[in-house]
Amino acid sequence: MNENGICIDGRLTKISEDVQFIYDSSDFMQPWTLKTESSLADIVFVPFFHRTAKTDAKVLRSEVHQMIGRFSGTVTDADERKYQFQDIIGWAEEHFARW
């Protein structure tokens, strides 16, 4: 189970495959690739803003890298219609937490 899906014109399509997030954790501002094995999603995310938040209370620890940027690529819905899009603004993040 995963939480992946696309919503186009009010219609939600479940993406049952895992979406791979491929990025350089030593430089979050480099482009990210988001894709599925069968190409239901083939997306490039280009960040233009990086927000970092860190908490270290020894027992509790959290570090989040929130990236704001532009998404471009293709997604395929349940009827196998392919949609192409460019420069849609959104966010992606990496979050590590220890409780």
N, C-alpha and C. Protein backbone atom coordinates (compact mmCIF):
# COMPACT_ATOMS: atom_id res chain seq x y z
N MET A 1 0.85 -1.18 0.00
CA MET A 1 0.00 0.00 0.00
C MET A 1 0.89 1.24 0.00
N ASN A 2 0.41 2.25 -0.71
CA ASN A 2 1.09 3.54 -0.69
C ASN A 2 0.04 4.64 -0.83
N GLU A 3 0.50 5.86 -0.81
CA GLU A 3 -0.40 7.01 -0.87
C GLU A 3 -0.32 7.72 -2.21
N ASN A 4 0.09 7.05 -3.26
CA ASN A 4 0.35 7.70 -4.53
C ASN A 4 -0.90 7.78 -5.39
N GLY A 5 -1.09 8.94 -6.01
CA GLY A 5 -2.21 9.11 -6.91
C GLY A 5 -2.07 10.41 -7.68
N ILE A 6 -2.91 10.56 -8.71
CA ILE A 6 -2.99 11.81 -9.45
C ILE A 6 -4.45 12.23 -9.52
N CYS A 7 -4.68 13.51 -9.49
CA CYS A 7 -6.03 14.04 -9.59
C CYS A 7 -6.08 14.98 -10.79
N ILE A 8 -6.89 14.61 -11.79
CA ILE A 8 -7.01 15.40 -13.00
C ILE A 8 -8.50 15.68 -13.22
N ASP A 9 -8.83 16.95 -13.31
CA ASP A 9 -10.23 17.38 -13.49
C ASP A 9 -11.16 16.76 -12.45
N GLY A 10 -10.69 16.69 -11.21
CA GLY A 10 -11.50 16.18 -10.12
C GLY A 10 -11.58 14.67 -10.02
N ARG A 11 -10.90 13.96 -10.89
CA ARG A 11 -10.92 12.49 -10.88
C ARG A 11 -9.60 11.97 -10.34
N LEU A 12 -9.68 11.21 -9.26
CA LEU A 12 -8.49 10.66 -8.61
C LEU A 12 -8.16 9.29 -9.19
N THR A 13 -6.92 9.10 -9.59
CA THR A 13 -6.43 7.82 -10.09
C THR A 13 -5.33 7.34 -9.16
N LYS A 14 -5.50 6.16 -8.61
CA LYS A 14 -4.51 5.55 -7.73
C LYS A 14 -3.30 5.10 -8.55
N ILE A 15 -2.10 5.39 -8.08
CA ILE A 15 -0.87 4.85 -8.65
C ILE A 15 -0.41 3.77 -7.67
N SER A 16 -0.67 2.53 -8.01
CA SER A 16 -0.39 1.42 -7.09
C SER A 16 1.10 1.14 -6.93
N GLU A 17 1.88 1.55 -7.91
CA GLU A 17 3.33 1.34 -7.82
C GLU A 17 3.97 2.38 -6.91
N ASP A 18 5.09 2.01 -6.33
CA ASP A 18 5.86 2.99 -5.58
C ASP A 18 6.48 3.99 -6.54
N VAL A 19 6.53 5.23 -6.11
CA VAL A 19 7.21 6.27 -6.87
C VAL A 19 8.61 6.41 -6.30
N GLN A 20 9.61 6.26 -7.15
CA GLN A 20 11.00 6.41 -6.74
C GLN A 20 11.35 7.89 -6.77
N PHE A 21 11.90 8.38 -5.66
CA PHE A 21 12.41 9.75 -5.58
C PHE A 21 13.92 9.64 -5.68
N ILE A 22 14.48 10.15 -6.75
CA ILE A 22 15.92 10.07 -6.98
C ILE A 22 16.47 11.49 -6.90
N TYR A 23 17.34 11.72 -5.92
CA TYR A 23 17.89 13.05 -5.70
C TYR A 23 19.22 12.94 -4.99
N ASP A 24 19.95 14.04 -4.98
CA ASP A 24 21.27 14.10 -4.35
C ASP A 24 21.12 14.71 -2.96
N SER A 25 21.21 13.89 -1.92
CA SER A 25 21.02 14.39 -0.55
C SER A 25 22.18 15.27 -0.09
N SER A 26 23.26 15.34 -0.86
CA SER A 26 24.34 16.26 -0.52
C SER A 26 24.12 17.63 -1.18
N ASP A 27 23.16 17.72 -2.10
CA ASP A 27 22.81 18.98 -2.75
C ASP A 27 21.34 18.91 -3.18
N PHE A 28 20.45 19.23 -2.26
CA PHE A 28 19.01 19.14 -2.50
C PHE A 28 18.52 20.06 -3.62
N MET A 29 19.32 21.07 -3.98
CA MET A 29 18.90 22.02 -5.02
C MET A 29 19.10 21.47 -6.44
N GLN A 30 19.75 20.34 -6.59
CA GLN A 30 19.86 19.71 -7.90
C GLN A 30 18.50 19.11 -8.28
N PRO A 31 18.22 18.96 -9.58
CA PRO A 31 16.94 18.38 -9.99
C PRO A 31 16.70 16.99 -9.41
N TRP A 32 15.46 16.71 -9.09
CA TRP A 32 15.02 15.42 -8.58
C TRP A 32 14.27 14.70 -9.71
N THR A 33 14.33 13.37 -9.71
CA THR A 33 13.55 12.57 -10.64
C THR A 33 12.55 11.75 -9.83
N LEU A 34 11.29 11.77 -10.24
CA LEU A 34 10.24 10.97 -9.62
C LEU A 34 9.69 10.06 -10.71
N LYS A 35 9.75 8.75 -10.49
CA LYS A 35 9.28 7.85 -11.55
C LYS A 35 8.79 6.54 -10.96
N THR A 36 7.96 5.87 -11.75
CA THR A 36 7.52 4.53 -11.43
C THR A 36 8.21 3.56 -12.39
N GLU A 37 8.22 2.29 -12.02
CA GLU A 37 8.88 1.30 -12.85
C GLU A 37 8.24 1.20 -14.24
N SER A 38 6.91 1.31 -14.31
CA SER A 38 6.22 1.17 -15.60
C SER A 38 5.97 2.50 -16.30
N SER A 39 6.56 3.58 -15.82
CA SER A 39 6.43 4.92 -16.41
C SER A 39 5.03 5.53 -16.27
N LEU A 40 4.23 5.08 -15.29
CA LEU A 40 2.96 5.78 -15.00
C LEU A 40 3.24 7.22 -14.58
N ALA A 41 4.37 7.41 -13.94
CA ALA A 41 4.83 8.75 -13.58
C ALA A 41 6.28 8.88 -14.02
N ASP A 42 6.56 9.95 -14.72
CA ASP A 42 7.93 10.25 -15.17
C ASP A 42 8.08 11.76 -15.07
N ILE A 43 8.64 12.21 -13.95
CA ILE A 43 8.58 13.62 -13.57
C ILE A 43 9.97 14.11 -13.16
N VAL A 44 10.26 15.36 -13.52
CA VAL A 44 11.46 16.04 -13.03
C VAL A 44 11.01 17.20 -12.17
N PHE A 45 11.62 17.31 -11.00
CA PHE A 45 11.33 18.39 -10.06
C PHE A 45 12.58 19.26 -9.95
N VAL A 46 12.45 20.55 -10.25
CA VAL A 46 13.58 21.48 -10.19
C VAL A 46 13.33 22.47 -9.06
N PRO A 47 14.04 22.30 -7.93
CA PRO A 47 13.83 23.19 -6.78
C PRO A 47 14.34 24.61 -7.04
N PHE A 48 13.65 25.58 -6.43
CA PHE A 48 14.17 26.96 -6.43
C PHE A 48 14.24 27.54 -5.02
N PHE A 49 13.77 26.79 -4.02
CA PHE A 49 13.85 27.24 -2.63
C PHE A 49 14.04 26.04 -1.71
N HIS A 50 14.91 26.18 -0.72
CA HIS A 50 15.22 25.09 0.21
C HIS A 50 15.05 25.60 1.64
N ARG A 51 14.16 24.97 2.38
CA ARG A 51 13.96 25.29 3.80
C ARG A 51 14.40 24.08 4.61
N THR A 52 15.23 24.32 5.63
CA THR A 52 15.68 23.26 6.52
C THR A 52 15.20 23.56 7.93
N ALA A 53 14.72 22.53 8.62
CA ALA A 53 14.34 22.66 10.02
C ALA A 53 14.95 21.48 10.77
N LYS A 54 15.64 21.79 11.87
CA LYS A 54 16.29 20.74 12.66
C LYS A 54 15.93 20.88 14.13
N THR A 55 15.72 19.75 14.77
CA THR A 55 15.51 19.67 16.22
C THR A 55 16.37 18.53 16.73
N ASP A 56 17.14 18.79 17.78
CA ASP A 56 17.94 17.73 18.38
C ASP A 56 17.84 17.85 19.89
N ALA A 57 16.93 17.09 20.48
CA ALA A 57 16.75 17.06 21.92
C ALA A 57 17.25 15.73 22.47
N LYS A 58 18.27 15.18 21.85
CA LYS A 58 18.91 13.90 22.20
C LYS A 58 17.96 12.71 22.04
N VAL A 59 16.87 12.66 22.78
CA VAL A 59 15.93 11.56 22.65
C VAL A 59 15.06 11.76 21.40
N LEU A 60 14.71 12.99 21.14
CA LEU A 60 13.92 13.33 19.97
C LEU A 60 14.81 14.06 18.97
N ARG A 61 14.73 13.63 17.72
CA ARG A 61 15.53 14.28 16.69
C ARG A 61 14.73 14.35 15.39
N SER A 62 14.82 15.48 14.72
CA SER A 62 14.12 15.65 13.46
C SER A 62 14.94 16.55 12.56
N GLU A 63 14.97 16.20 11.29
CA GLU A 63 15.60 17.05 10.28
C GLU A 63 14.78 16.95 9.01
N VAL A 64 14.30 18.09 8.54
CA VAL A 64 13.47 18.10 7.35
C VAL A 64 14.05 19.09 6.34
N HIS A 65 14.06 18.67 5.10
CA HIS A 65 14.47 19.52 3.98
C HIS A 65 13.24 19.67 3.09
N GLN A 66 12.65 20.86 3.12
CA GLN A 66 11.46 21.13 2.32
C GLN A 66 11.87 21.94 1.10
N MET A 67 11.56 21.40 -0.06
CA MET A 67 11.97 22.00 -1.31
C MET A 67 10.73 22.52 -2.04
N ILE A 68 10.79 23.75 -2.50
CA ILE A 68 9.75 24.32 -3.34
C ILE A 68 10.34 24.42 -4.74
N GLY A 69 9.57 24.02 -5.75
CA GLY A 69 10.12 24.05 -7.09
C GLY A 69 9.06 23.80 -8.14
N ARG A 70 9.53 23.45 -9.34
CA ARG A 70 8.65 23.24 -10.49
C ARG A 70 8.70 21.78 -10.95
N PHE A 71 7.53 21.21 -11.16
CA PHE A 71 7.39 19.85 -11.66
C PHE A 71 7.08 19.88 -13.15
N SER A 72 7.76 19.02 -13.92
CA SER A 72 7.48 18.85 -15.35
C SER A 72 7.58 17.37 -15.67
N GLY A 73 6.75 16.89 -16.58
CA GLY A 73 6.83 15.48 -16.97
C GLY A 73 5.52 14.94 -17.48
N THR A 74 5.33 13.64 -17.26
CA THR A 74 4.10 12.97 -17.69
C THR A 74 3.57 12.06 -16.60
N VAL A 75 2.24 11.91 -16.57
CA VAL A 75 1.56 10.92 -15.73
C VAL A 75 0.50 10.25 -16.59
N THR A 76 0.17 9.01 -16.24
CA THR A 76 -0.82 8.24 -16.99
C THR A 76 -1.95 7.87 -16.05
N ASP A 77 -3.20 8.10 -16.48
CA ASP A 77 -4.35 7.80 -15.62
C ASP A 77 -4.82 6.36 -15.81
N ALA A 78 -5.89 5.99 -15.11
CA ALA A 78 -6.40 4.61 -15.14
C ALA A 78 -6.90 4.19 -16.52
N ASP A 79 -7.29 5.16 -17.35
CA ASP A 79 -7.74 4.87 -18.71
C ASP A 79 -6.59 4.89 -19.71
N GLU A 80 -5.39 4.93 -19.19
CA GLU A 80 -4.14 4.93 -19.97
C GLU A 80 -3.99 6.17 -20.84
N ARG A 81 -4.62 7.27 -20.42
CA ARG A 81 -4.39 8.56 -21.08
C ARG A 81 -3.16 9.19 -20.44
N LYS A 82 -2.25 9.64 -21.28
CA LYS A 82 -1.02 10.26 -20.80
C LYS A 82 -1.19 11.77 -20.81
N TYR A 83 -0.80 12.39 -19.70
CA TYR A 83 -0.88 13.84 -19.55
C TYR A 83 0.52 14.40 -19.40
N GLN A 84 0.80 15.42 -20.18
CA GLN A 84 2.09 16.09 -20.09
C GLN A 84 1.87 17.44 -19.41
N PHE A 85 2.79 17.84 -18.57
CA PHE A 85 2.68 19.11 -17.87
C PHE A 85 4.07 19.72 -17.73
N GLN A 86 4.09 21.04 -17.50
CA GLN A 86 5.37 21.73 -17.39
C GLN A 86 5.27 22.86 -16.38
N ASP A 87 6.28 22.96 -15.54
CA ASP A 87 6.46 24.07 -14.60
C ASP A 87 5.30 24.27 -13.62
N ILE A 88 4.75 23.18 -13.11
CA ILE A 88 3.73 23.27 -12.06
C ILE A 88 4.46 23.43 -10.72
N ILE A 89 4.14 24.48 -10.01
CA ILE A 89 4.82 24.76 -8.74
C ILE A 89 4.25 23.86 -7.64
N GLY A 90 5.16 23.29 -6.85
CA GLY A 90 4.78 22.42 -5.74
C GLY A 90 5.96 22.19 -4.83
N TRP A 91 5.90 21.15 -4.02
CA TRP A 91 6.98 20.88 -3.07
C TRP A 91 7.26 19.40 -2.97
N ALA A 92 8.46 19.10 -2.48
CA ALA A 92 8.88 17.75 -2.14
C ALA A 92 9.76 17.90 -0.91
N GLU A 93 9.87 16.83 -0.14
CA GLU A 93 10.69 16.94 1.06
C GLU A 93 11.32 15.62 1.45
N GLU A 94 12.40 15.73 2.20
CA GLU A 94 13.01 14.59 2.87
C GLU A 94 12.91 14.88 4.35
N HIS A 95 12.45 13.90 5.12
CA HIS A 95 12.29 14.10 6.56
C HIS A 95 12.81 12.88 7.31
N PHE A 96 13.71 13.11 8.23
CA PHE A 96 14.21 12.07 9.12
C PHE A 96 13.71 12.42 10.52
N ALA A 97 13.17 11.44 11.23
CA ALA A 97 12.70 11.68 12.59
C ALA A 97 13.01 10.47 13.47
N ARG A 98 13.42 10.74 14.69
CA ARG A 98 13.62 9.68 15.70
C ARG A 98 12.89 10.13 16.95
N TRP A 99 11.99 9.28 17.43
CA TRP A 99 11.18 9.62 18.60
C TRP A 99 11.57 8.76 19.77
